[in-house]
């Protein structure tokens, strides 16, 4: 059986397939699910390169009791058979590598449904759909566009939303915008501030997000409307004090210049800007020679869009802790804004800023 969105009722036990990429940035979907998943109980990760380790320890040194196995056969010998297998990595061109075909086929033959966030629709591959049909398994291609009748145009109803709306935007893609969004919502809730995250990528849905859509699986004419609809639906059903919006890519990455839609179509009240001081070029564009603008330059652009930046979060990949702290101090002096290391320090400083805005 082949299924399309919406999949709101889908939940249960799952394993994650990462194709030997778990230790790389290309497995950021898996990384998010390892850190937190409210939709699925993660039984293990299938990654032949990192097999034998705990996925949490590999990711950030925290044991989360999520073992890494070299195959689906090894996994089910050690734990329960999962209901779902999640594709947990990104690939060049969004295509499933042929070397992963046997793993997908093995899962389907066992009756394990596949949830795929790659651009390539696995349900359109005849050899997979046939095996799924024979073994009462499903293939969920969550990056397929919604049916036309479920899409929304922008209407202006965003004016009715009274929540304080904060966008987690970035100077580039793959900087931890979704991770920081989740951390911020968790921290706000600890302080008894009602809050929800609006997701805009497949990992946000996989983690259990109730409100949102998949940005890069949506026809361009409907991006602004789907953003507005997701925020409005969250407001209408939950009435949260704060809505956190997960940004995509960056304002000026030529391969994905996203961000202005969130600011304008959702009438953001504030932005937390994510930045990687150890990264000179946009991700994947070093050969093209496109350098990431400085933080102050990006802040000026955000100001021109009419939104206040309340803090800066740093992705410290490639830096020692000493280098990260030096970058934090330099950027704070340069911009006059609070600068945090989300994974190391948490989001309490940003929560305090939001508290002040809510008064």
Protein backbone atom coordinates (compact mmCIF):
# COMPACT_ATOMS: atom_id res chain seq x y z
CA UNK A 1 0.00 0.00 0.00
CA UNK A 2 1.29 3.45 -0.90
CA UNK A 3 0.26 6.43 1.22
CA UNK A 4 0.43 10.21 0.86
CA UNK A 5 0.03 13.06 3.37
CA UNK A 6 -1.55 13.64 5.81
CA UNK A 7 -0.23 10.97 8.18
CA UNK A 8 -1.26 12.45 11.52
CA UNK A 9 -2.33 9.06 12.93
CA UNK A 10 1.04 7.42 12.16
CA UNK A 11 3.00 6.58 15.31
CA UNK A 12 4.59 3.59 16.99
CA UNK A 13 7.93 1.82 17.26
CA UNK A 14 10.63 2.52 14.68
CA UNK A 15 14.20 2.04 13.61
CA UNK A 16 16.22 4.60 11.66
CA UNK A 17 18.16 3.81 8.47
CA UNK A 18 21.22 6.01 7.97
CA UNK A 19 23.30 4.16 5.36
CA UNK A 20 26.65 4.62 7.06
CA UNK A 21 26.13 8.40 7.46
CA UNK A 22 25.08 8.61 11.10
CA UNK A 23 28.39 10.22 12.10
CA UNK A 24 27.97 12.98 9.48
CA UNK A 25 25.85 16.12 9.11
CA UNK A 26 23.95 14.35 6.31
CA UNK A 27 22.11 12.34 8.98
CA UNK A 28 20.60 15.39 10.71
CA UNK A 29 17.11 13.86 10.45
CA UNK A 30 18.36 10.88 12.45
CA UNK A 31 20.12 13.23 14.89
CA UNK A 32 16.86 15.05 15.58
CA UNK A 33 14.99 11.79 16.17
CA UNK A 34 17.71 10.53 18.49
CA UNK A 35 17.49 13.71 20.57
CA UNK A 36 13.69 13.75 20.76
CA UNK A 37 10.81 11.90 19.14
CA UNK A 38 7.24 12.19 20.40
CA UNK A 39 5.74 10.31 17.43
CA UNK A 40 7.97 7.22 17.41
CA UNK A 41 9.72 5.10 20.02
CA UNK A 42 13.16 4.59 18.47
CA UNK A 43 14.35 1.00 19.00
CA UNK A 44 17.65 1.35 17.17
CA UNK A 45 19.61 2.70 14.22
CA UNK A 46 20.81 0.69 11.23
CA UNK A 47 24.25 2.00 10.28
CA UNK A 48 27.02 -0.42 9.36
CA UNK A 49 29.80 2.14 9.90
CA UNK A 50 28.90 2.95 13.52
CA UNK A 51 27.40 -0.41 14.57
CA UNK A 52 27.99 -1.44 18.18
CA UNK A 53 27.76 2.04 19.67
CA UNK A 54 24.94 3.94 21.37
CA UNK A 55 23.45 6.50 18.98
CA UNK A 56 23.21 9.18 21.65
CA UNK A 57 26.82 8.75 22.72
CA UNK A 58 27.94 8.95 19.11
CA UNK A 59 25.87 12.11 18.57
CA UNK A 60 26.70 14.18 21.65
CA UNK A 61 28.11 11.93 24.36
CA UNK A 62 24.75 11.25 26.06
CA UNK A 63 23.69 7.60 26.32
CA UNK A 64 20.06 7.37 25.17
CA UNK A 65 19.85 3.57 25.05
CA UNK A 66 19.41 3.58 21.28
CA UNK A 67 21.76 0.87 19.95
CA UNK A 68 23.28 1.00 16.48
CA UNK A 69 23.08 -2.22 14.44
CA UNK A 70 24.69 -3.29 11.18
CA UNK A 71 21.44 -4.64 9.67
CA UNK A 72 17.71 -5.02 10.25
CA UNK A 73 18.32 -8.71 10.96
CA UNK A 74 20.71 -7.91 13.82
CA UNK A 75 18.24 -5.37 15.19
CA UNK A 76 15.28 -7.75 15.38
CA UNK A 77 17.45 -10.42 17.00
CA UNK A 78 18.11 -7.97 19.85
CA UNK A 79 14.80 -6.15 20.25
CA UNK A 80 11.20 -6.11 19.04
CA UNK A 81 10.46 -5.85 15.35
CA UNK A 82 9.69 -2.17 14.70
CA UNK A 83 6.48 -1.10 13.02
CA UNK A 84 8.32 1.49 10.91
CA UNK A 85 11.73 2.09 9.35
CA UNK A 86 12.55 5.78 8.95
CA UNK A 87 14.95 7.09 6.29
CA UNK A 88 17.17 9.22 8.48
CA UNK A 89 19.66 10.85 6.16
CA UNK A 90 19.80 13.29 3.26
CA UNK A 91 21.49 12.33 -0.01
CA UNK A 92 22.76 14.24 -3.03
CA UNK A 93 19.76 15.06 -5.18
CA UNK A 94 17.40 13.51 -2.63
CA UNK A 95 17.74 10.09 -4.30
CA UNK A 96 17.89 6.80 -2.40
CA UNK A 97 21.31 5.22 -3.08
CA UNK A 98 21.02 1.84 -4.78
CA UNK A 99 23.18 0.24 -2.10
CA UNK A 100 20.29 0.83 0.33
CA UNK A 101 17.74 -0.99 -1.84
CA UNK A 102 18.38 -4.37 -0.12
CA UNK A 103 17.77 -2.84 3.35
CA UNK A 104 14.48 -1.29 2.22
CA UNK A 105 13.41 -4.55 0.60
CA UNK A 106 14.32 -6.55 3.71
CA UNK A 107 12.22 -4.25 5.91
CA UNK A 108 9.22 -4.43 3.60
CA UNK A 109 9.43 -8.23 3.37
CA UNK A 110 9.18 -8.32 7.18
CA UNK A 111 6.05 -6.17 7.06
CA UNK A 112 7.88 -3.08 8.36
CA UNK A 113 6.47 0.09 6.81
CA UNK A 114 8.87 2.66 5.36
CA UNK A 115 8.65 6.37 6.13
CA UNK A 116 10.68 8.29 3.59
CA UNK A 117 11.62 11.96 3.75
CA UNK A 118 13.83 11.98 0.64
CA UNK A 119 12.71 13.87 -2.45
CA UNK A 120 12.58 10.61 -4.41
CA UNK A 121 9.23 8.88 -3.81
CA UNK A 122 9.98 5.28 -2.90
CA UNK A 123 6.35 4.33 -3.48
CA UNK A 124 6.93 5.06 -7.17
CA UNK A 125 9.65 2.41 -7.37
CA UNK A 126 7.89 -0.70 -8.62
CA UNK A 127 10.09 -3.24 -6.86
CA UNK A 128 9.34 -1.57 -3.49
CA UNK A 129 5.61 -1.07 -4.03
CA UNK A 130 5.19 -4.70 -5.11
CA UNK A 131 6.95 -6.04 -2.01
CA UNK A 132 4.95 -3.68 0.21
CA UNK A 133 1.68 -4.90 -1.30
CA UNK A 134 2.59 -8.55 -0.80
CA UNK A 135 3.62 -8.08 2.83
CA UNK A 136 0.92 -5.71 4.08
CA UNK A 137 3.44 -2.90 4.55
CA UNK A 138 3.04 0.79 3.75
CA UNK A 139 5.37 3.27 2.08
CA UNK A 140 4.86 6.82 3.36
CA UNK A 141 6.54 9.40 1.10
CA UNK A 142 6.17 12.42 3.34
CA UNK A 143 7.85 14.82 0.92
CA UNK A 144 5.15 14.49 -1.69
CA UNK A 145 3.10 17.67 -2.13
CA UNK A 146 -0.28 17.82 -0.43
CA UNK A 147 -3.30 17.27 -2.67
CA UNK A 148 -4.27 20.54 -4.36
CA UNK A 149 -7.52 20.90 -2.40
CA UNK A 150 -5.63 20.79 0.91
CA UNK A 151 -3.32 23.69 0.03
CA UNK A 152 -3.93 27.25 1.22
CA UNK A 153 -3.38 30.71 -0.23
CA UNK A 154 -2.40 33.58 2.09
CA UNK A 155 -5.49 35.46 3.30
CA UNK A 156 -4.38 37.94 5.96
CA UNK A 157 -5.91 36.00 8.85
CA UNK A 158 -2.44 36.06 10.48
CA UNK A 159 -3.59 39.42 11.92
CA UNK A 160 -5.88 37.52 14.30
CA UNK A 161 -3.02 35.56 15.88
CA UNK A 162 -2.16 37.02 19.29
CA UNK A 163 0.76 34.72 20.15
CA UNK A 164 4.29 36.13 20.31
CA UNK A 165 5.83 34.70 17.13
CA UNK A 166 9.56 33.93 17.05
CA UNK A 167 11.37 32.64 13.96
CA UNK A 168 14.54 30.56 14.24
CA UNK A 169 16.33 31.68 11.08
CA UNK A 170 19.88 31.02 9.93
CA UNK A 171 22.76 32.48 8.01
CA UNK A 172 22.92 29.10 6.22
CA UNK A 173 21.22 25.70 6.13
CA UNK A 174 22.03 22.81 8.49
CA UNK A 175 22.78 25.05 11.47
CA UNK A 176 20.44 23.54 14.05
CA UNK A 177 17.37 25.74 13.54
CA UNK A 178 14.96 22.90 14.22
CA UNK A 179 16.98 21.57 17.15
CA UNK A 180 17.12 25.02 18.71
CA UNK A 181 13.39 25.47 18.10
CA UNK A 182 12.64 22.25 19.97
CA UNK A 183 14.99 23.19 22.80
CA UNK A 184 13.37 26.61 23.09
CA UNK A 185 9.83 25.20 23.23
CA UNK A 186 10.90 22.70 25.88
CA UNK A 187 12.53 25.45 27.96
CA UNK A 188 9.52 27.76 27.64
CA UNK A 189 7.20 24.99 28.82
CA UNK A 190 9.43 24.34 31.83
CA UNK A 191 8.80 27.97 32.75
CA UNK A 192 5.03 27.40 32.39
CA UNK A 193 4.86 29.52 29.24
CA UNK A 194 2.47 27.84 26.82
CA UNK A 195 4.24 27.39 23.51
CA UNK A 196 4.19 25.35 20.33
CA UNK A 197 6.58 24.89 17.42
CA UNK A 198 5.42 25.17 13.81
CA UNK A 199 7.58 22.79 11.80
CA UNK A 200 8.58 23.40 8.18
CA UNK A 201 10.60 20.27 7.42
CA UNK A 202 10.11 16.51 7.40
CA UNK A 203 12.06 15.96 10.63
CA UNK A 204 9.70 18.22 12.55
CA UNK A 205 6.80 16.02 11.50
CA UNK A 206 8.75 12.84 12.26
CA UNK A 207 9.48 14.14 15.76
CA UNK A 208 5.75 14.52 16.38
CA UNK A 209 4.97 18.10 15.38
CA UNK A 210 1.22 18.85 15.37
CA UNK A 211 1.29 22.04 13.33
CA UNK A 212 3.25 22.77 10.19
CA UNK A 213 4.00 21.60 6.67
CA UNK A 214 6.99 20.53 4.59
CA UNK A 215 8.35 23.67 2.97
CA UNK A 216 10.29 22.15 0.10
CA UNK A 217 7.48 19.76 -0.87
CA UNK A 218 5.04 22.64 -1.38
CA UNK A 219 4.42 24.50 -4.67
CA UNK A 220 5.84 27.99 -4.39
CA UNK A 221 2.49 29.76 -4.84
CA UNK A 222 1.25 28.16 -1.62
CA UNK A 223 4.28 28.67 0.67
CA UNK A 224 2.99 31.89 2.24
CA UNK A 225 -0.51 30.47 2.64
CA UNK A 226 0.68 27.22 4.20
CA UNK A 227 2.85 29.18 6.66
CA UNK A 228 -0.07 31.39 7.62
CA UNK A 229 -2.43 28.44 7.87
CA UNK A 230 -0.08 26.44 10.13
CA UNK A 231 0.43 29.39 12.50
CA UNK A 232 -3.27 30.27 12.51
CA UNK A 233 -4.31 26.65 13.13
CA UNK A 234 -1.90 26.45 16.06
CA UNK A 235 -3.31 29.69 17.47
CA UNK A 236 -6.92 28.67 16.90
CA UNK A 237 -6.59 25.27 18.58
CA UNK A 238 -4.02 25.92 21.30
CA UNK A 239 -4.01 29.69 22.04
CA UNK A 240 -0.30 29.53 23.07
CA UNK A 241 1.50 32.55 24.46
CA UNK A 242 4.44 31.83 22.13
CA UNK A 243 4.71 30.21 18.70
CA UNK A 244 8.18 29.19 17.54
CA UNK A 245 8.66 28.85 13.77
CA UNK A 246 11.36 26.58 12.39
CA UNK A 247 13.24 28.34 9.59
CA UNK A 248 14.59 26.70 6.44
CA UNK A 249 17.95 27.27 4.73
CA UNK A 250 18.80 30.99 4.97
CA UNK A 251 17.91 34.41 3.66
CA UNK A 252 20.69 34.44 1.08
CA UNK A 253 21.88 30.91 0.36
CA UNK A 254 21.48 30.83 -3.45
CA UNK A 255 20.49 27.15 -3.38
CA UNK A 256 17.63 27.88 -0.95
CA UNK A 257 16.96 31.55 -0.17
CA UNK A 258 14.21 30.98 2.41
CA UNK A 259 13.32 33.12 5.40
CA UNK A 260 11.62 36.23 4.09
CA UNK A 261 8.34 34.29 3.81
CA UNK A 262 8.38 33.54 7.54
CA UNK A 263 9.11 37.14 8.44
CA UNK A 264 6.53 38.72 6.17
CA UNK A 265 3.74 36.16 5.74
CA UNK A 266 3.70 35.28 9.45
CA UNK A 267 4.39 38.82 10.69
CA UNK A 268 7.12 37.61 13.02
CA UNK A 269 7.59 39.53 16.25
CA UNK A 270 11.20 38.46 16.69
CA UNK A 271 14.04 36.37 15.26
CA UNK A 272 16.72 34.23 16.85
CA UNK A 273 19.51 34.04 14.27
CA UNK A 274 21.56 30.85 13.99
CA UNK A 275 25.14 31.18 12.74
CA UNK A 276 28.19 28.94 12.29
CA UNK A 277 31.38 30.97 12.88
CA UNK A 278 33.50 28.03 11.70
CA UNK A 279 31.86 27.98 8.27
CA UNK A 280 33.13 30.36 5.56
CA UNK A 281 31.06 29.26 2.56
CA UNK A 282 27.43 28.25 2.23
CA UNK A 283 27.05 24.52 2.78
CA UNK A 284 27.98 22.67 -0.40
CA UNK A 285 28.95 25.86 -2.25
CA UNK A 286 32.67 26.19 -1.47
CA UNK A 287 33.57 25.49 -5.11
CA UNK A 288 31.07 28.11 -6.19
CA UNK A 289 32.89 30.53 -3.90
CA UNK A 290 29.81 32.01 -2.25
CA UNK A 291 30.80 33.26 1.20
CA UNK A 292 28.32 33.62 4.06
CA UNK A 293 27.81 37.31 4.95
CA UNK A 294 28.94 38.47 8.38
CA UNK A 295 26.45 38.42 11.24
CA UNK A 296 26.13 42.22 11.40
CA UNK A 297 25.37 42.29 7.68
CA UNK A 298 22.62 39.72 8.15
CA UNK A 299 21.19 41.68 11.08
CA UNK A 300 20.92 44.75 8.87
CA UNK A 301 18.96 42.75 6.32
CA UNK A 302 16.60 41.46 9.00
CA UNK A 303 16.11 45.00 10.22
CA UNK A 304 15.20 46.09 6.69
CA UNK A 305 12.57 43.35 6.69
CA UNK A 306 11.15 45.02 9.80
CA UNK A 307 11.82 42.35 12.41
CA UNK A 308 13.83 42.51 15.63
CA UNK A 309 16.62 40.03 16.27
CA UNK A 310 16.63 39.23 19.98
CA UNK A 311 19.55 36.78 20.18
CA UNK A 312 22.12 34.81 18.20
CA UNK A 313 22.68 31.07 18.53
CA UNK A 314 25.97 29.53 17.45
CA UNK A 315 26.54 26.20 15.75
CA UNK A 316 30.02 25.26 16.93
CA UNK A 317 30.75 22.46 14.46
CA UNK A 318 34.44 22.40 13.58
CA UNK A 319 35.43 24.53 16.58
CA UNK A 320 37.03 23.65 19.89
CA UNK A 321 35.17 24.87 22.95
CA UNK A 322 37.81 27.56 23.40
CA UNK A 323 37.28 28.76 19.82
CA UNK A 324 33.51 28.67 20.29
CA UNK A 325 33.69 30.82 23.41
CA UNK A 326 36.00 33.27 21.65
CA UNK A 327 33.56 33.52 18.73
CA UNK A 328 30.69 34.01 21.18
CA UNK A 329 32.47 36.93 22.87
CA UNK A 330 33.49 38.54 19.57
CA UNK A 331 30.01 38.35 18.05
CA UNK A 332 28.41 39.65 21.23
CA UNK A 333 30.74 42.67 21.24
CA UNK A 334 30.19 43.24 17.52
CA UNK A 335 26.40 43.09 17.64
CA UNK A 336 25.48 44.03 21.20
CA UNK A 337 23.13 41.04 21.30
CA UNK A 338 23.02 38.01 23.62
CA UNK A 339 24.92 35.11 22.02
CA UNK A 340 24.37 31.52 23.16
CA UNK A 341 25.61 28.01 22.44
CA UNK A 342 22.25 26.17 22.36
CA UNK A 343 23.54 22.61 22.76
CA UNK A 344 26.00 23.51 25.51
CA UNK A 345 24.19 26.24 27.41
CA UNK A 346 20.50 25.66 26.74
CA UNK A 347 17.96 28.36 25.86
CA UNK A 348 17.30 29.97 29.26
CA UNK A 349 18.69 33.36 28.20
CA UNK A 350 16.29 33.52 25.27
CA UNK A 351 13.41 32.45 27.50
CA UNK A 352 14.16 35.40 29.78
CA UNK A 353 14.13 37.77 26.80
CA UNK A 354 10.79 36.38 25.64
CA UNK A 355 9.40 36.74 29.17
CA UNK A 356 10.20 40.44 29.03
CA UNK A 357 8.44 40.80 25.67
CA UNK A 358 5.33 39.09 27.05
CA UNK A 359 4.88 41.59 29.88
